[in-house]
Amino acid sequence: MHHLFSLVLGQRDLSRAGDLFSLKDTEIEDSLSEALEEIKTISSSADYLTNDNDQAVVEICITRITTAIRETRSIEKHGLALVSLWESCLEYNLKPEGKDEDTPHAKIASDIMSCILQNYKKPAVMALAVPVAVKFLCHGNKELCRNMSSYLSLAAIAKADLLADHTEAITKSILQANYMLLRVLPSVYEKQPQSINTRIPELVELMPRLEQPEQQHLLRLLQMVAKQHPQVLNKSVSSLISYLHDPNQNDSVLNILLEMSLTEPAAVASFLPNLKAVGEDFPNLLGQIAKIYGAVGHVDETTETKRNMEDSN
């Protein structure tokens, strides 16, 4: 480890910590993982929570290290040590103390998070980071959770496979009002449909609480469900019908009901009067509503024909 890091971290010398910024990034790059390990030792000590000097030393050193990692583009080299320190924060209280004041370990987690997760396009880094990132979703720090969700959403776009194994935890976080993560579910649905299908009735009920962009992510998911596993939506038809009165989403909801009518017509049939009323309020939807009537009616005719044939035999 570079002698200045050894001095600052070994002796917790706050007076020399600022001198780290006078060093070139390339001069300290080889020392970064070792310095991170030493920071982990300091932040795990019994008196860290009450030692302002040590907290200040750690904060300055982390800032210097993350800056050097970004500038030297060495995240793959130091990712393991960085994630190890990040994960160690989960062992401590992360909930804000007082008025929006982060705990010492929440500060460490926040400072490290952006350095790691802004590399969401690097699969090797995300393979290390995603399992740890998901754990932070249920640790009670709303700001940390919100920022984590933003990065995970980007990771889902770049490499959805890495998030698929954590679908259940992500869905649970959504149901606890972390709605930003809704954009992740369509990306992982193909890989983990069952984990999501069991929660579909609860997810459908979220619709009135969501902002319009969040509604669009949920509607995209429901469209996928309607095409691949329409029976999962059978118990949610009543709620979906009620959402048809919102002009911002009624076209998408009607497409979902149309998909269902093709394979699950019985689930839709009893709501045809409701659809007729919607058509009177929104004439632009009459074409789609007519298709649903046609699909349900076609099935009814087929069923009636079969019944007549059985009776004649």
Protein backbone atom coordinates (compact mmCIF):
# COMPACT_ATOMS: atom_id res chain seq x y z
CA MET A 1 0.00 0.00 0.00
CA HIS A 2 1.21 3.52 -0.79
CA HIS A 3 3.02 4.99 2.21
CA LEU A 4 0.58 7.91 2.51
CA PHE A 5 -2.42 5.57 2.61
CA SER A 6 -0.55 3.50 5.21
CA LEU A 7 0.00 6.61 7.31
CA VAL A 8 -3.50 8.03 7.01
CA LEU A 9 -5.32 4.73 7.55
CA GLY A 10 -2.84 3.11 9.90
CA GLN A 11 -2.70 6.06 12.27
CA ARG A 12 -6.15 7.47 11.44
CA ASP A 13 -4.31 10.71 10.63
CA LEU A 14 -6.99 13.17 9.58
CA SER A 15 -4.43 15.99 9.23
CA ARG A 16 -2.70 14.16 6.36
CA ALA A 17 -5.80 12.70 4.68
CA GLY A 18 -6.23 15.69 2.36
CA ASP A 19 -2.70 15.12 1.00
CA LEU A 20 -4.01 12.02 -0.80
CA PHE A 21 -5.54 14.34 -3.39
CA SER A 22 -2.08 15.71 -4.27
CA LEU A 23 -1.06 12.28 -5.55
CA LYS A 24 -1.59 11.20 -9.13
CA ASP A 25 -4.28 8.57 -9.67
CA THR A 26 -1.78 6.25 -11.33
CA GLU A 27 0.53 6.61 -8.36
CA ILE A 28 -1.96 5.06 -5.95
CA GLU A 29 -3.98 2.78 -8.24
CA ASP A 30 -2.16 -0.41 -7.19
CA SER A 31 -2.92 0.34 -3.53
CA LEU A 32 -6.67 0.83 -3.79
CA SER A 33 -7.87 -2.69 -2.96
CA GLU A 34 -5.58 -2.91 0.06
CA ALA A 35 -6.75 0.50 1.23
CA LEU A 36 -10.38 -0.62 0.90
CA GLU A 37 -9.66 -3.66 3.06
CA GLU A 38 -8.13 -1.41 5.72
CA ILE A 39 -11.18 0.87 5.59
CA LYS A 40 -13.39 -2.18 6.14
CA THR A 41 -11.37 -3.00 9.25
CA ILE A 42 -11.72 0.55 10.57
CA SER A 43 -15.46 0.80 9.87
CA SER A 44 -16.01 -2.55 11.62
CA SER A 45 -14.26 -1.50 14.82
CA ALA A 46 -16.26 -1.29 18.04
CA ASP A 47 -15.96 2.48 18.45
CA TYR A 48 -16.43 3.53 14.83
CA LEU A 49 -20.01 4.75 15.32
CA THR A 50 -18.88 7.27 17.94
CA ASN A 51 -15.45 8.15 16.55
CA ASP A 52 -15.79 11.30 14.46
CA ASN A 53 -12.10 11.33 13.53
CA ASP A 54 -12.19 7.80 12.08
CA GLN A 55 -15.41 8.54 10.21
CA ALA A 56 -13.85 11.64 8.63
CA VAL A 57 -10.71 9.71 7.63
CA VAL A 58 -12.83 6.97 6.05
CA GLU A 59 -15.01 9.46 4.18
CA ILE A 60 -12.00 11.27 2.70
CA CYS A 61 -10.23 8.04 1.75
CA ILE A 62 -13.30 6.58 0.07
CA THR A 63 -13.72 9.75 -1.96
CA ARG A 64 -10.09 9.56 -3.05
CA ILE A 65 -10.31 5.85 -3.87
CA THR A 66 -13.53 6.05 -5.89
CA THR A 67 -12.16 9.05 -7.80
CA ALA A 68 -9.00 7.11 -8.66
CA ILE A 69 -11.01 4.07 -9.74
CA ARG A 70 -13.11 6.18 -12.09
CA GLU A 71 -10.13 8.06 -13.52
CA THR A 72 -7.99 4.95 -14.05
CA ARG A 73 -11.01 2.89 -15.17
CA SER A 74 -9.93 0.09 -12.87
CA ILE A 75 -13.33 -0.96 -11.49
CA GLU A 76 -12.86 -4.58 -12.62
CA LYS A 77 -9.53 -4.77 -10.77
CA HIS A 78 -10.84 -3.34 -7.50
CA GLY A 79 -14.49 -4.36 -7.77
CA LEU A 80 -14.21 -7.27 -5.35
CA ALA A 81 -12.70 -5.15 -2.55
CA LEU A 82 -15.18 -2.36 -3.22
CA VAL A 83 -18.19 -4.69 -3.11
CA SER A 84 -16.83 -6.39 0.03
CA LEU A 85 -16.70 -3.06 1.88
CA TRP A 86 -20.13 -2.16 0.51
CA GLU A 87 -21.65 -5.44 1.69
CA SER A 88 -20.16 -5.04 5.16
CA CYS A 89 -22.39 -1.97 5.64
CA LEU A 90 -25.42 -4.27 5.65
CA GLU A 91 -24.37 -5.51 9.09
CA TYR A 92 -25.13 -2.10 10.60
CA ASN A 93 -28.07 0.22 11.00
CA LEU A 94 -28.72 2.17 7.79
CA LYS A 95 -31.89 3.98 8.84
CA PRO A 96 -31.48 7.77 9.14
CA GLU A 97 -30.92 9.14 12.61
CA GLY A 98 -32.62 12.38 13.54
CA LYS A 99 -33.78 14.56 10.70
CA ASP A 100 -32.61 12.86 7.49
CA GLU A 101 -29.11 12.34 8.88
CA ASP A 102 -27.44 9.24 7.46
CA THR A 103 -25.71 6.81 9.78
CA PRO A 104 -21.93 6.37 9.29
CA HIS A 105 -22.37 3.10 7.41
CA ALA A 106 -25.17 4.51 5.26
CA LYS A 107 -22.74 7.23 4.18
CA ILE A 108 -20.16 4.62 3.20
CA ALA A 109 -22.78 2.61 1.30
CA SER A 110 -24.01 5.68 -0.55
CA ASP A 111 -20.51 6.83 -1.51
CA ILE A 112 -19.57 3.41 -2.86
CA MET A 113 -22.88 2.69 -4.58
CA SER A 114 -22.55 5.17 -7.42
CA CYS A 115 -18.96 4.13 -8.12
CA ILE A 116 -20.03 0.51 -8.49
CA LEU A 117 -23.44 0.74 -10.11
CA GLN A 118 -22.65 3.39 -12.68
CA ASN A 119 -20.76 0.51 -14.30
CA TYR A 120 -24.07 -1.25 -15.03
CA LYS A 121 -22.91 -2.08 -18.57
CA LYS A 122 -19.98 -4.14 -17.25
CA PRO A 123 -21.26 -7.72 -16.66
CA ALA A 124 -18.32 -8.78 -14.47
CA VAL A 125 -18.89 -5.85 -12.10
CA MET A 126 -22.66 -6.33 -12.03
CA ALA A 127 -22.28 -10.05 -11.29
CA LEU A 128 -20.53 -9.03 -8.06
CA ALA A 129 -22.75 -6.06 -7.28
CA VAL A 130 -26.34 -7.08 -8.02
CA PRO A 131 -26.70 -9.72 -5.26
CA VAL A 132 -25.51 -7.15 -2.73
CA ALA A 133 -27.53 -4.28 -4.21
CA VAL A 134 -30.77 -6.25 -3.86
CA LYS A 135 -30.09 -6.76 -0.14
CA PHE A 136 -30.06 -2.99 0.38
CA LEU A 137 -33.68 -2.72 -0.84
CA CYS A 138 -35.10 -3.89 2.48
CA HIS A 139 -32.83 -2.07 4.92
CA GLY A 140 -34.99 0.93 5.67
CA ASN A 141 -33.06 3.79 4.08
CA LYS A 142 -35.45 5.32 1.54
CA GLU A 143 -32.91 7.52 -0.22
CA LEU A 144 -30.43 4.68 -0.54
CA CYS A 145 -33.21 2.41 -1.77
CA ARG A 146 -34.40 4.97 -4.32
CA ASN A 147 -30.93 5.46 -5.77
CA MET A 148 -30.31 1.71 -5.76
CA SER A 149 -33.55 1.16 -7.66
CA SER A 150 -32.55 3.67 -10.31
CA TYR A 151 -29.28 1.86 -10.96
CA LEU A 152 -30.93 -1.58 -10.91
CA SER A 153 -33.41 -0.37 -13.50
CA LEU A 154 -30.53 0.57 -15.77
CA ALA A 155 -28.88 -2.77 -15.07
CA ALA A 156 -32.07 -4.54 -16.15
CA ILE A 157 -31.89 -2.79 -19.51
CA ALA A 158 -28.23 -3.68 -20.00
CA LYS A 159 -28.23 -7.22 -18.59
CA ALA A 160 -31.59 -8.51 -17.35
CA ASP A 161 -30.22 -12.00 -16.70
CA LEU A 162 -28.25 -10.72 -13.70
CA LEU A 163 -31.46 -9.58 -12.00
CA ALA A 164 -33.63 -12.59 -12.83
CA ASP A 165 -32.50 -14.62 -9.81
CA HIS A 166 -33.59 -11.76 -7.56
CA THR A 167 -37.08 -11.32 -9.04
CA GLU A 168 -38.88 -12.30 -5.84
CA ALA A 169 -36.99 -9.76 -3.73
CA ILE A 170 -37.52 -7.04 -6.34
CA THR A 171 -41.25 -7.76 -6.54
CA LYS A 172 -41.53 -7.67 -2.75
CA SER A 173 -39.79 -4.28 -2.73
CA ILE A 174 -42.26 -2.97 -5.31
CA LEU A 175 -45.19 -4.07 -3.17
CA GLN A 176 -43.60 -2.12 -0.32
CA ALA A 177 -44.02 1.05 -2.42
CA ASN A 178 -40.68 1.03 -4.25
CA TYR A 179 -42.49 1.63 -7.53
CA MET A 180 -39.42 2.69 -9.51
CA LEU A 181 -38.48 -0.98 -9.79
CA LEU A 182 -41.60 -1.73 -11.85
CA ARG A 183 -39.55 -1.08 -14.96
CA VAL A 184 -37.42 -4.11 -14.06
CA LEU A 185 -40.24 -6.68 -14.13
CA PRO A 186 -40.90 -6.75 -17.91
CA SER A 187 -37.18 -7.32 -18.44
CA VAL A 188 -37.04 -10.37 -16.17
CA TYR A 189 -40.50 -11.84 -16.80
CA GLU A 190 -39.35 -14.28 -19.49
CA LYS A 191 -36.79 -15.75 -17.08
CA GLN A 192 -38.91 -15.83 -13.91
CA PRO A 193 -42.62 -15.77 -14.82
CA GLN A 194 -43.78 -17.83 -11.84
CA SER A 195 -42.21 -15.52 -9.25
CA ILE A 196 -44.13 -12.62 -10.77
CA ASN A 197 -47.36 -14.47 -11.63
CA THR A 198 -48.04 -15.26 -7.97
CA ARG A 199 -48.00 -11.53 -7.24
CA ILE A 200 -49.98 -10.29 -10.24
CA PRO A 201 -53.27 -9.64 -8.36
CA GLU A 202 -51.39 -7.46 -5.86
CA LEU A 203 -49.49 -5.66 -8.62
CA VAL A 204 -52.70 -4.91 -10.53
CA GLU A 205 -54.14 -3.25 -7.43
CA LEU A 206 -51.22 -0.81 -7.35
CA MET A 207 -52.37 0.96 -10.52
CA PRO A 208 -54.26 3.90 -8.91
CA ARG A 209 -51.23 4.74 -6.73
CA LEU A 210 -48.74 4.94 -9.58
CA GLU A 211 -47.43 7.85 -11.59
CA GLN A 212 -48.07 7.58 -15.33
CA PRO A 213 -44.56 6.29 -16.26
CA GLU A 214 -44.86 3.62 -13.57
CA GLN A 215 -48.30 2.68 -14.88
CA GLN A 216 -46.83 2.17 -18.32
CA HIS A 217 -44.22 -0.25 -16.98
CA LEU A 218 -46.91 -2.21 -15.15
CA LEU A 219 -49.17 -2.26 -18.22
CA ARG A 220 -46.30 -3.53 -20.33
CA LEU A 221 -45.84 -6.37 -17.85
CA LEU A 222 -49.56 -7.17 -17.83
CA GLN A 223 -49.57 -7.27 -21.63
CA MET A 224 -46.85 -9.94 -21.47
CA VAL A 225 -48.82 -11.89 -18.86
CA ALA A 226 -51.99 -11.69 -20.97
CA LYS A 227 -50.16 -13.18 -23.96
CA GLN A 228 -48.25 -15.90 -22.13
CA HIS A 229 -50.23 -16.77 -18.99
CA PRO A 230 -53.67 -15.11 -19.37
CA GLN A 231 -55.30 -17.27 -16.69
CA VAL A 232 -53.19 -15.45 -14.09
CA LEU A 233 -55.26 -12.32 -14.74
CA ASN A 234 -58.67 -13.97 -14.35
CA LYS A 235 -59.21 -12.66 -10.82
CA SER A 236 -58.10 -9.16 -11.81
CA VAL A 237 -60.59 -8.51 -14.64
CA SER A 238 -62.86 -6.43 -12.40
CA SER A 239 -59.97 -4.12 -11.46
CA LEU A 240 -58.80 -3.87 -15.06
CA ILE A 241 -62.33 -2.91 -16.15
CA SER A 242 -62.37 -0.11 -13.57
CA TYR A 243 -59.14 1.32 -15.03
CA LEU A 244 -60.80 1.72 -18.44
CA HIS A 245 -62.25 5.03 -17.27
CA ASP A 246 -58.77 6.56 -17.19
CA PRO A 247 -58.00 7.93 -20.69
CA ASN A 248 -54.25 7.68 -20.01
CA GLN A 249 -54.36 3.91 -19.77
CA ASN A 250 -57.67 2.64 -21.16
CA ASP A 251 -56.26 1.79 -24.58
CA SER A 252 -53.52 -0.39 -23.05
CA VAL A 253 -55.90 -2.01 -20.57
CA LEU A 254 -58.32 -2.83 -23.37
CA ASN A 255 -55.54 -4.53 -25.32
CA ILE A 256 -54.86 -6.69 -22.26
CA LEU A 257 -58.54 -7.63 -22.02
CA LEU A 258 -58.60 -8.38 -25.74
CA GLU A 259 -55.68 -10.79 -25.34
CA MET A 260 -57.53 -12.47 -22.48
CA SER A 261 -60.75 -12.77 -24.45
CA LEU A 262 -58.99 -14.88 -27.06
CA THR A 263 -57.97 -17.61 -24.58
CA GLU A 264 -59.93 -16.90 -21.39
CA PRO A 265 -63.29 -15.64 -22.73
CA ALA A 266 -65.27 -16.85 -19.71
CA ALA A 267 -63.31 -14.49 -17.47
CA VAL A 268 -64.33 -11.53 -19.62
CA ALA A 269 -67.87 -12.56 -20.65
CA SER A 270 -69.68 -11.33 -17.53
CA PHE A 271 -68.15 -7.87 -17.96
CA LEU A 272 -69.47 -7.22 -21.47
CA PRO A 273 -72.11 -4.74 -20.17
CA ASN A 274 -69.31 -2.80 -18.47
CA LEU A 275 -67.38 -2.71 -21.73
CA LYS A 276 -70.46 -1.43 -23.53
CA ALA A 277 -70.72 1.45 -21.04
CA VAL A 278 -67.03 2.25 -21.56
CA GLY A 279 -67.60 2.33 -25.31
CA GLU A 280 -70.36 4.92 -24.85
CA ASP A 281 -67.96 7.15 -22.88
CA PHE A 282 -64.97 6.53 -25.16
CA PRO A 283 -66.16 5.99 -28.77
CA ASN A 284 -62.54 5.65 -29.92
CA LEU A 285 -62.39 2.31 -28.09
CA LEU A 286 -65.43 0.79 -29.83
CA GLY A 287 -63.28 -1.07 -32.37
CA GLN A 288 -61.35 -2.95 -29.70
CA ILE A 289 -64.48 -3.56 -27.65
CA ALA A 290 -66.18 -5.04 -30.71
CA LYS A 291 -63.27 -7.47 -31.09
CA ILE A 292 -63.73 -8.61 -27.48
CA TYR A 293 -67.46 -9.09 -28.09
CA GLY A 294 -66.56 -11.06 -31.19
CA ALA A 295 -64.06 -13.28 -29.39
CA VAL A 296 -66.45 -14.02 -26.52
CA GLY A 297 -69.37 -14.53 -28.89
CA HIS A 298 -67.37 -16.88 -31.11
CA VAL A 299 -66.54 -19.07 -28.15
CA ASP A 300 -70.17 -19.03 -27.03
CA GLU A 301 -71.29 -20.11 -30.50
CA THR A 302 -68.72 -22.92 -30.56
CA THR A 303 -69.80 -24.09 -27.13
CA GLU A 304 -73.46 -24.02 -28.15
CA THR A 305 -72.71 -26.01 -31.33
CA LYS A 306 -70.84 -28.66 -29.33
CA ARG A 307 -73.70 -28.85 -26.83
CA ASN A 308 -76.26 -29.35 -29.63
CA MET A 309 -74.13 -32.07 -31.20
CA GLU A 310 -73.86 -33.86 -27.85
CA ASP A 311 -77.62 -33.58 -27.31
CA SER A 312 -78.37 -35.03 -30.77
CA ASN A 313 -76.16 -38.01 -30.02
